[in-house]
C-alpha cells in the first residue's frame, strides 16, 4: 500500500520524521515534495503521486491548513473514491490549539492528535490498520 503524505512546506522536517517511521513499519510512503527538483512540472509530479497512492495521511500543525498545497491535496482526497475510508489526519500540537485550526470534515475522518513527533508510533500503527 502506498500512502501519500500531505504536509505544509513549513512542516518538512516533521514530515520527513513521520515518513521515516512509516517506512520502518513497512508502509510505502509517497512524498512528491521530497522528490521535486527545479525544472520539474510540480503539478504533474503531484498528480502522478496522487494517482499512484492508495491512501493519504495529512499532517497538520497549527496554521498548516493555510497551505495551498495541503488544501489542494485535501480537496482531491475528499472528492476521490480512491481515498474513501483511506484518509487519515495527524494533528501535531497542543490539544487546545488544534481543534480551531482543523476543518470539521477532517474530524469526521480517522484522525489522531499527538502533542509531539515523539508520539508518531501510535499514528503509524493506526495508519497501518487503516490501509492493511
N, C-alpha and C. Protein backbone atom coordinates (compact mmCIF):
# COMPACT_ATOMS: atom_id res chain seq x y z
N UNK A 1 0.83 -1.19 0.00
CA UNK A 1 0.00 0.00 0.00
C UNK A 1 0.87 1.25 0.00
N UNK A 2 0.55 2.17 -0.89
CA UNK A 2 1.27 3.43 -0.97
C UNK A 2 0.47 4.51 -0.26
N UNK A 3 1.13 5.21 0.65
CA UNK A 3 0.48 6.27 1.42
C UNK A 3 1.06 7.62 0.99
N UNK A 4 0.21 8.50 0.49
CA UNK A 4 0.61 9.85 0.12
C UNK A 4 0.65 10.68 1.39
N UNK A 5 1.77 11.32 1.64
CA UNK A 5 1.93 12.16 2.83
C UNK A 5 1.81 13.62 2.42
N UNK A 6 0.75 14.25 2.87
CA UNK A 6 0.50 15.66 2.55
C UNK A 6 0.86 16.51 3.76
N UNK A 7 1.60 17.59 3.49
CA UNK A 7 2.01 18.48 4.59
C UNK A 7 2.31 19.86 4.05
N UNK A 8 2.32 20.83 4.94
CA UNK A 8 2.71 22.19 4.57
C UNK A 8 4.22 22.25 4.44
N UNK A 9 4.71 23.13 3.59
CA UNK A 9 6.15 23.25 3.38
C UNK A 9 6.89 23.54 4.68
N UNK A 10 6.27 24.30 5.57
CA UNK A 10 6.93 24.65 6.83
C UNK A 10 7.11 23.43 7.74
N UNK A 11 6.42 22.35 7.45
CA UNK A 11 6.48 21.15 8.29
C UNK A 11 7.32 20.04 7.67
N UNK A 12 8.21 20.40 6.76
CA UNK A 12 9.01 19.40 6.05
C UNK A 12 9.79 18.51 7.01
N UNK A 13 10.43 19.08 8.02
CA UNK A 13 11.24 18.28 8.95
C UNK A 13 10.38 17.26 9.70
N UNK A 14 9.21 17.67 10.12
CA UNK A 14 8.30 16.75 10.82
C UNK A 14 7.82 15.67 9.85
N UNK A 15 7.52 16.06 8.61
CA UNK A 15 7.06 15.10 7.61
C UNK A 15 8.13 14.05 7.31
N UNK A 16 9.38 14.48 7.24
CA UNK A 16 10.47 13.54 6.99
C UNK A 16 10.56 12.53 8.14
N UNK A 17 10.41 13.01 9.37
CA UNK A 17 10.44 12.11 10.52
C UNK A 17 9.28 11.11 10.48
N UNK A 18 8.08 11.60 10.19
CA UNK A 18 6.91 10.73 10.11
C UNK A 18 7.07 9.71 8.99
N UNK A 19 7.54 10.16 7.83
CA UNK A 19 7.74 9.25 6.69
C UNK A 19 8.74 8.15 7.06
N UNK A 20 9.79 8.52 7.76
CA UNK A 20 10.79 7.52 8.18
C UNK A 20 10.18 6.48 9.09
N UNK A 21 9.35 6.92 10.03
CA UNK A 21 8.69 5.99 10.95
C UNK A 21 7.75 5.06 10.19
N UNK A 22 7.04 5.60 9.20
CA UNK A 22 6.11 4.80 8.42
C UNK A 22 6.85 3.75 7.60
N UNK A 23 7.97 4.17 7.01
CA UNK A 23 8.76 3.22 6.21
C UNK A 23 9.33 2.11 7.09
N UNK A 24 9.77 2.45 8.30
CA UNK A 24 10.28 1.43 9.23
C UNK A 24 9.20 0.40 9.55
N UNK A 25 7.94 0.83 9.52
CA UNK A 25 6.82 -0.06 9.82
C UNK A 25 6.36 -0.84 8.59
N UNK A 26 7.03 -0.62 7.46
CA UNK A 26 6.69 -1.38 6.26
C UNK A 26 5.73 -0.70 5.31
N UNK A 27 5.37 0.54 5.60
CA UNK A 27 4.48 1.27 4.69
C UNK A 27 5.31 1.96 3.61
N UNK A 28 4.79 2.00 2.41
CA UNK A 28 5.45 2.71 1.32
C UNK A 28 4.91 4.14 1.31
N UNK A 29 5.78 5.10 1.50
CA UNK A 29 5.37 6.50 1.61
C UNK A 29 5.69 7.23 0.31
N UNK A 30 4.69 7.96 -0.18
CA UNK A 30 4.84 8.78 -1.36
C UNK A 30 4.82 10.24 -0.91
N UNK A 31 5.93 10.92 -1.10
CA UNK A 31 6.01 12.32 -0.73
C UNK A 31 6.68 13.07 -1.88
N UNK A 32 5.89 13.48 -2.87
CA UNK A 32 6.48 14.11 -4.05
C UNK A 32 7.24 15.39 -3.73
N UNK A 33 6.92 16.03 -2.62
CA UNK A 33 7.58 17.27 -2.27
C UNK A 33 9.06 17.04 -1.97
N UNK A 34 9.42 15.81 -1.59
CA UNK A 34 10.83 15.47 -1.37
C UNK A 34 11.55 15.22 -2.69
N UNK A 35 10.80 14.87 -3.70
CA UNK A 35 11.39 14.42 -4.97
C UNK A 35 11.39 15.48 -6.07
N UNK A 36 10.63 16.54 -5.90
CA UNK A 36 10.54 17.57 -6.95
C UNK A 36 11.82 18.41 -6.93
N UNK A 37 12.37 18.57 -8.11
CA UNK A 37 13.58 19.38 -8.25
C UNK A 37 13.30 20.55 -9.19
N UNK A 38 14.11 21.60 -9.12
CA UNK A 38 13.87 22.73 -10.01
C UNK A 38 13.80 22.27 -11.47
N UNK A 39 12.81 22.78 -12.17
CA UNK A 39 12.61 22.41 -13.56
C UNK A 39 11.53 21.36 -13.76
N UNK A 40 11.20 20.61 -12.69
CA UNK A 40 10.13 19.62 -12.78
C UNK A 40 8.78 20.31 -12.90
N UNK A 41 7.85 19.65 -13.52
CA UNK A 41 6.48 20.14 -13.57
C UNK A 41 5.82 19.72 -12.25
N UNK A 42 5.71 20.67 -11.33
CA UNK A 42 5.22 20.39 -9.99
C UNK A 42 3.84 19.73 -10.02
N UNK A 43 2.91 20.34 -10.74
CA UNK A 43 1.54 19.81 -10.78
C UNK A 43 1.50 18.39 -11.32
N UNK A 44 2.30 18.12 -12.33
CA UNK A 44 2.34 16.79 -12.92
C UNK A 44 2.89 15.76 -11.92
N UNK A 45 3.93 16.11 -11.21
CA UNK A 45 4.54 15.20 -10.23
C UNK A 45 3.56 14.87 -9.10
N UNK A 46 2.88 15.88 -8.60
CA UNK A 46 1.92 15.66 -7.51
C UNK A 46 0.73 14.84 -8.01
N UNK A 47 0.23 15.16 -9.20
CA UNK A 47 -0.90 14.41 -9.76
C UNK A 47 -0.53 12.94 -9.94
N UNK A 48 0.66 12.68 -10.43
CA UNK A 48 1.12 11.31 -10.62
C UNK A 48 1.21 10.58 -9.27
N UNK A 49 1.73 11.26 -8.27
CA UNK A 49 1.85 10.66 -6.94
C UNK A 49 0.47 10.34 -6.35
N UNK A 50 -0.47 11.25 -6.53
CA UNK A 50 -1.83 11.01 -6.03
C UNK A 50 -2.48 9.83 -6.74
N UNK A 51 -2.31 9.75 -8.04
CA UNK A 51 -2.89 8.66 -8.82
C UNK A 51 -2.29 7.30 -8.45
N UNK A 52 -1.05 7.29 -7.99
CA UNK A 52 -0.38 6.04 -7.65
C UNK A 52 -0.45 5.69 -6.17
N UNK A 53 -1.21 6.45 -5.41
CA UNK A 53 -1.32 6.20 -3.97
C UNK A 53 -2.64 5.53 -3.64
N UNK A 54 -2.60 4.75 -2.56
CA UNK A 54 -3.80 4.02 -2.12
C UNK A 54 -4.48 4.69 -0.93
N UNK A 55 -3.75 5.54 -0.22
CA UNK A 55 -4.26 6.19 0.98
C UNK A 55 -3.55 7.52 1.13
N UNK A 56 -4.10 8.38 2.01
CA UNK A 56 -3.45 9.67 2.26
C UNK A 56 -3.42 9.94 3.76
N UNK A 57 -2.27 10.44 4.19
CA UNK A 57 -2.10 10.89 5.57
C UNK A 57 -1.82 12.39 5.50
N UNK A 58 -2.65 13.17 6.19
CA UNK A 58 -2.50 14.61 6.20
C UNK A 58 -1.85 15.00 7.52
N UNK A 59 -0.75 15.72 7.44
CA UNK A 59 -0.02 16.18 8.62
C UNK A 59 -0.41 17.63 8.87
N UNK A 60 -1.03 17.87 10.03
CA UNK A 60 -1.46 19.22 10.37
C UNK A 60 -0.76 19.70 11.63
N UNK A 61 -0.21 20.87 11.55
CA UNK A 61 0.30 21.57 12.71
C UNK A 61 -0.48 22.88 12.77
N UNK A 62 -0.45 23.58 13.89
CA UNK A 62 -1.19 24.85 13.94
C UNK A 62 -0.81 25.76 12.77
N UNK A 63 -1.81 26.22 12.07
CA UNK A 63 -1.58 27.12 10.95
C UNK A 63 -1.32 26.43 9.62
N UNK A 64 -1.07 25.13 9.60
CA UNK A 64 -0.73 24.44 8.36
C UNK A 64 -1.88 24.41 7.36
N UNK A 65 -3.09 24.50 7.84
CA UNK A 65 -4.24 24.39 6.94
C UNK A 65 -4.27 25.55 5.95
N UNK A 66 -3.52 26.62 6.20
CA UNK A 66 -3.46 27.73 5.25
C UNK A 66 -2.60 27.41 4.03
N UNK A 67 -1.89 26.30 4.05
CA UNK A 67 -1.05 25.92 2.92
C UNK A 67 -1.90 25.57 1.71
N UNK A 68 -1.64 26.23 0.60
CA UNK A 68 -2.39 25.94 -0.63
C UNK A 68 -2.15 24.50 -1.08
N UNK A 69 -0.92 24.02 -0.96
CA UNK A 69 -0.60 22.65 -1.36
C UNK A 69 -1.42 21.65 -0.55
N UNK A 70 -1.45 21.85 0.75
CA UNK A 70 -2.19 20.94 1.63
C UNK A 70 -3.69 21.00 1.31
N UNK A 71 -4.20 22.19 1.09
CA UNK A 71 -5.63 22.32 0.77
C UNK A 71 -5.97 21.64 -0.55
N UNK A 72 -5.09 21.73 -1.54
CA UNK A 72 -5.33 21.05 -2.82
C UNK A 72 -5.34 19.54 -2.64
N UNK A 73 -4.37 19.02 -1.88
CA UNK A 73 -4.32 17.58 -1.62
C UNK A 73 -5.58 17.13 -0.89
N UNK A 74 -5.99 17.90 0.10
CA UNK A 74 -7.18 17.57 0.88
C UNK A 74 -8.43 17.55 0.00
N UNK A 75 -8.59 18.55 -0.84
CA UNK A 75 -9.75 18.60 -1.74
C UNK A 75 -9.78 17.38 -2.65
N UNK A 76 -8.63 17.02 -3.17
CA UNK A 76 -8.55 15.85 -4.04
C UNK A 76 -8.96 14.59 -3.28
N UNK A 77 -8.42 14.42 -2.08
CA UNK A 77 -8.71 13.21 -1.30
C UNK A 77 -10.18 13.11 -0.93
N UNK A 78 -10.78 14.22 -0.53
CA UNK A 78 -12.18 14.19 -0.12
C UNK A 78 -13.12 13.91 -1.29
N UNK A 79 -12.70 14.27 -2.50
CA UNK A 79 -13.54 14.04 -3.67
C UNK A 79 -13.22 12.76 -4.44
N UNK A 80 -12.24 12.02 -3.98
CA UNK A 80 -11.80 10.83 -4.71
C UNK A 80 -12.29 9.54 -4.07
N UNK A 81 -12.87 8.67 -4.87
CA UNK A 81 -13.29 7.37 -4.36
C UNK A 81 -12.09 6.54 -3.90
N UNK A 82 -10.96 6.78 -4.51
CA UNK A 82 -9.74 6.04 -4.18
C UNK A 82 -9.38 6.18 -2.68
N UNK A 83 -9.64 7.35 -2.12
CA UNK A 83 -9.24 7.59 -0.73
C UNK A 83 -10.40 7.43 0.26
N UNK A 84 -11.55 6.98 -0.22
CA UNK A 84 -12.68 6.77 0.69
C UNK A 84 -12.28 5.71 1.72
N UNK A 85 -12.44 6.03 2.97
CA UNK A 85 -12.06 5.16 4.10
C UNK A 85 -10.56 4.92 4.18
N UNK A 86 -9.78 5.72 3.48
CA UNK A 86 -8.32 5.59 3.50
C UNK A 86 -7.67 6.97 3.60
N UNK A 87 -8.29 7.82 4.38
CA UNK A 87 -7.79 9.17 4.62
C UNK A 87 -7.67 9.35 6.12
N UNK A 88 -6.51 9.76 6.57
CA UNK A 88 -6.29 9.97 8.00
C UNK A 88 -5.55 11.28 8.19
N UNK A 89 -5.84 11.94 9.30
CA UNK A 89 -5.16 13.18 9.65
C UNK A 89 -4.44 12.99 10.97
N UNK A 90 -3.20 13.46 11.02
CA UNK A 90 -2.48 13.51 12.28
C UNK A 90 -2.31 14.99 12.62
N UNK A 91 -2.78 15.34 13.80
CA UNK A 91 -2.72 16.72 14.28
C UNK A 91 -1.60 16.79 15.31
N UNK A 92 -0.61 17.61 15.04
CA UNK A 92 0.53 17.73 15.93
C UNK A 92 0.45 19.10 16.60
N UNK A 93 0.34 19.09 17.92
CA UNK A 93 0.27 20.34 18.65
C UNK A 93 -0.61 20.19 19.87
N UNK A 94 -0.68 21.25 20.63
CA UNK A 94 -1.46 21.24 21.86
C UNK A 94 -2.94 21.03 21.55
N UNK A 95 -3.58 20.24 22.37
CA UNK A 95 -4.99 19.92 22.16
C UNK A 95 -5.87 21.17 22.14
N UNK A 96 -5.48 22.19 22.89
CA UNK A 96 -6.28 23.40 22.95
C UNK A 96 -6.21 24.17 21.64
N UNK A 97 -5.04 24.16 20.97
CA UNK A 97 -4.86 24.93 19.74
C UNK A 97 -5.49 24.27 18.52
N UNK A 98 -5.33 22.97 18.40
CA UNK A 98 -5.65 22.29 17.16
C UNK A 98 -7.11 22.31 16.73
N UNK A 99 -8.10 22.03 17.60
CA UNK A 99 -9.47 21.94 17.08
C UNK A 99 -9.94 23.18 16.32
N UNK A 100 -9.52 24.37 16.70
CA UNK A 100 -9.92 25.56 15.98
C UNK A 100 -9.30 25.66 14.60
N UNK A 101 -8.17 25.01 14.40
CA UNK A 101 -7.46 25.06 13.13
C UNK A 101 -7.85 23.91 12.19
N UNK A 102 -8.59 22.95 12.67
CA UNK A 102 -8.88 21.74 11.90
C UNK A 102 -10.30 21.82 11.33
N UNK A 103 -10.43 21.72 10.01
CA UNK A 103 -11.77 21.72 9.42
C UNK A 103 -12.61 20.56 9.96
N UNK A 104 -13.87 20.81 10.18
CA UNK A 104 -14.76 19.82 10.78
C UNK A 104 -14.75 18.50 10.02
N UNK A 105 -14.64 18.57 8.70
CA UNK A 105 -14.71 17.35 7.91
C UNK A 105 -13.55 16.40 8.22
N UNK A 106 -12.40 16.96 8.58
CA UNK A 106 -11.26 16.10 8.93
C UNK A 106 -11.48 15.41 10.27
N UNK A 107 -12.24 16.04 11.14
CA UNK A 107 -12.52 15.43 12.44
C UNK A 107 -13.54 14.30 12.31
N UNK A 108 -14.22 14.21 11.18
CA UNK A 108 -15.15 13.10 10.93
C UNK A 108 -14.44 11.92 10.28
N UNK A 109 -13.23 12.14 9.81
CA UNK A 109 -12.39 11.08 9.24
C UNK A 109 -11.52 10.51 10.36
N UNK A 110 -10.91 9.35 10.14
CA UNK A 110 -9.96 8.87 11.14
C UNK A 110 -8.89 9.94 11.38
N UNK A 111 -8.61 10.22 12.63
CA UNK A 111 -7.59 11.21 12.96
C UNK A 111 -6.96 10.88 14.30
N UNK A 112 -5.80 11.41 14.50
CA UNK A 112 -5.06 11.17 15.73
C UNK A 112 -4.40 12.48 16.11
N UNK A 113 -4.52 12.85 17.37
CA UNK A 113 -3.86 14.06 17.85
C UNK A 113 -2.70 13.65 18.75
N UNK A 114 -1.54 14.23 18.47
CA UNK A 114 -0.35 13.96 19.28
C UNK A 114 0.24 15.30 19.71
N UNK A 115 0.89 15.29 20.86
CA UNK A 115 1.49 16.52 21.37
C UNK A 115 2.79 16.84 20.64
N UNK A 116 3.49 15.78 20.19
CA UNK A 116 4.78 16.00 19.53
C UNK A 116 5.10 14.80 18.63
N UNK A 117 6.10 14.95 17.76
CA UNK A 117 6.51 13.84 16.89
C UNK A 117 6.95 12.60 17.67
N UNK A 118 7.27 12.74 18.93
CA UNK A 118 7.68 11.58 19.74
C UNK A 118 6.55 10.55 19.82
N UNK A 119 5.32 10.98 19.56
CA UNK A 119 4.16 10.08 19.64
C UNK A 119 3.75 9.51 18.28
N UNK A 120 4.59 9.63 17.27
CA UNK A 120 4.25 9.14 15.94
C UNK A 120 4.06 7.63 15.87
N UNK A 121 4.57 6.89 16.84
CA UNK A 121 4.39 5.44 16.83
C UNK A 121 2.93 5.05 16.80
N UNK A 122 2.11 5.75 17.57
CA UNK A 122 0.67 5.49 17.60
C UNK A 122 0.02 5.82 16.24
N UNK A 123 0.48 6.88 15.63
CA UNK A 123 -0.04 7.29 14.32
C UNK A 123 0.25 6.22 13.28
N UNK A 124 1.48 5.73 13.29
CA UNK A 124 1.90 4.73 12.31
C UNK A 124 1.08 3.45 12.48
N UNK A 125 0.87 3.03 13.71
CA UNK A 125 0.04 1.84 13.97
C UNK A 125 -1.37 2.01 13.42
N UNK A 126 -1.96 3.16 13.69
CA UNK A 126 -3.32 3.40 13.23
C UNK A 126 -3.38 3.46 11.70
N UNK A 127 -2.40 4.10 11.08
CA UNK A 127 -2.36 4.18 9.62
C UNK A 127 -2.19 2.79 9.01
N UNK A 128 -1.33 1.98 9.60
CA UNK A 128 -1.12 0.62 9.10
C UNK A 128 -2.42 -0.18 9.18
N UNK A 129 -3.20 0.03 10.24
CA UNK A 129 -4.50 -0.64 10.37
C UNK A 129 -5.51 -0.15 9.34
N UNK A 130 -5.42 1.12 9.00
CA UNK A 130 -6.34 1.71 8.03
C UNK A 130 -6.10 1.19 6.62
N UNK A 131 -4.83 1.01 6.26
CA UNK A 131 -4.51 0.56 4.90
C UNK A 131 -4.31 -0.93 4.80
N UNK A 132 -4.17 -1.60 5.93
CA UNK A 132 -3.88 -3.04 5.92
C UNK A 132 -5.03 -3.88 5.71
